[in-house]
Amino acid sequence: MNVGMPLTPSLISQAATSVAETPDAAQILALRKALQVEQQGALALLQALPQPAPASAPTGELPLASEGPLGTRLNVMA
């Protein structure tokens, strides 16, 4: 293709067809298929996870500890 030629739909179609016929296109198709299989596997794993239990801790602010070396400046929940 000449660089000075305007891009027309037919030239774009011809370029896409020539790219699809190269060995790289087969590699890209194989990669896409592998990614689809991996995506399906990941989705199945996510769907198999149990639903999280509702939080039992109160949603309001927790008071700081009034005595002792820990928890008097910052609340840390484990």
Protein backbone atom coordinates (compact mmCIF):
# COMPACT_ATOMS: atom_id res chain seq x y z
CA MET A 1 0.00 0.00 0.00
CA ASN A 2 1.22 3.46 -0.79
CA VAL A 3 1.49 5.78 2.22
CA GLY A 4 0.04 8.70 0.27
CA MET A 5 -3.14 6.81 -0.67
CA PRO A 6 -6.33 7.79 1.13
CA LEU A 7 -7.81 5.16 3.41
CA THR A 8 -11.01 3.84 1.92
CA PRO A 9 -13.24 1.10 3.31
CA SER A 10 -12.10 -1.29 0.58
CA LEU A 11 -8.42 -0.72 1.41
CA ILE A 12 -9.12 -1.25 5.10
CA SER A 13 -11.01 -4.45 4.28
CA GLN A 14 -8.16 -5.70 2.12
CA ALA A 15 -5.64 -4.95 4.85
CA ALA A 16 -7.74 -6.76 7.46
CA THR A 17 -8.12 -9.77 5.17
CA SER A 18 -4.39 -9.94 4.49
CA VAL A 19 -3.65 -9.72 8.23
CA ALA A 20 -6.15 -12.50 8.97
CA GLU A 21 -4.33 -14.82 6.58
CA THR A 22 -0.98 -14.53 8.33
CA PRO A 23 0.38 -17.04 10.86
CA ASP A 24 0.13 -14.34 13.53
CA ALA A 25 -3.65 -14.38 13.14
CA ALA A 26 -3.72 -18.04 14.10
CA GLN A 27 -1.69 -17.24 17.22
CA ILE A 28 -4.05 -14.41 18.11
CA LEU A 29 -7.06 -16.68 17.69
CA ALA A 30 -5.43 -19.31 19.90
CA LEU A 31 -4.66 -16.65 22.52
CA ARG A 32 -8.26 -15.40 22.44
CA LYS A 33 -9.56 -18.93 22.89
CA ALA A 34 -7.16 -19.56 25.79
CA LEU A 35 -8.27 -16.32 27.45
CA GLN A 36 -11.93 -17.29 27.04
CA VAL A 37 -11.29 -20.68 28.66
CA GLU A 38 -9.39 -18.99 31.49
CA GLN A 39 -12.21 -16.47 31.94
CA GLN A 40 -14.80 -19.25 32.14
CA GLY A 41 -12.71 -21.09 34.74
CA ALA A 42 -12.26 -17.96 36.85
CA LEU A 43 -15.98 -17.22 36.67
CA ALA A 44 -16.80 -20.78 37.78
CA LEU A 45 -14.42 -20.40 40.75
CA LEU A 46 -15.97 -17.08 41.74
CA GLN A 47 -19.47 -18.51 41.54
CA ALA A 48 -18.43 -21.49 43.69
CA LEU A 49 -17.35 -19.23 46.56
CA PRO A 50 -19.76 -19.14 49.51
CA GLN A 51 -21.59 -15.91 50.15
CA PRO A 52 -20.02 -13.84 52.94
CA ALA A 53 -21.78 -13.85 56.30
CA PRO A 54 -23.38 -10.57 57.33
CA ALA A 55 -21.23 -8.47 59.63
CA SER A 56 -22.05 -9.03 63.28
CA ALA A 57 -20.17 -5.98 64.51
CA PRO A 58 -22.13 -2.78 65.04
CA THR A 59 -21.89 -0.32 62.19
CA GLY A 60 -21.43 2.73 64.43
CA GLU A 61 -18.14 4.00 65.78
CA LEU A 62 -16.52 1.78 68.39
CA PRO A 63 -15.23 3.42 71.57
CA LEU A 64 -11.51 3.51 72.27
CA ALA A 65 -10.14 1.49 75.14
CA SER A 66 -9.94 3.53 78.32
CA GLU A 67 -6.95 1.74 79.86
CA GLY A 68 -4.06 -0.46 78.88
CA PRO A 69 -1.23 -0.10 76.34
CA LEU A 70 -3.30 -1.00 73.26
CA GLY A 71 -6.45 0.47 71.75
CA THR A 72 -6.32 3.83 73.48
CA ARG A 73 -5.58 5.79 70.32
CA LEU A 74 -6.72 3.61 67.44
CA ASN A 75 -9.34 0.91 67.08
CA VAL A 76 -8.08 -2.13 65.24
CA MET A 77 -10.52 -4.88 64.34
CA ALA A 78 -9.21 -8.30 63.38
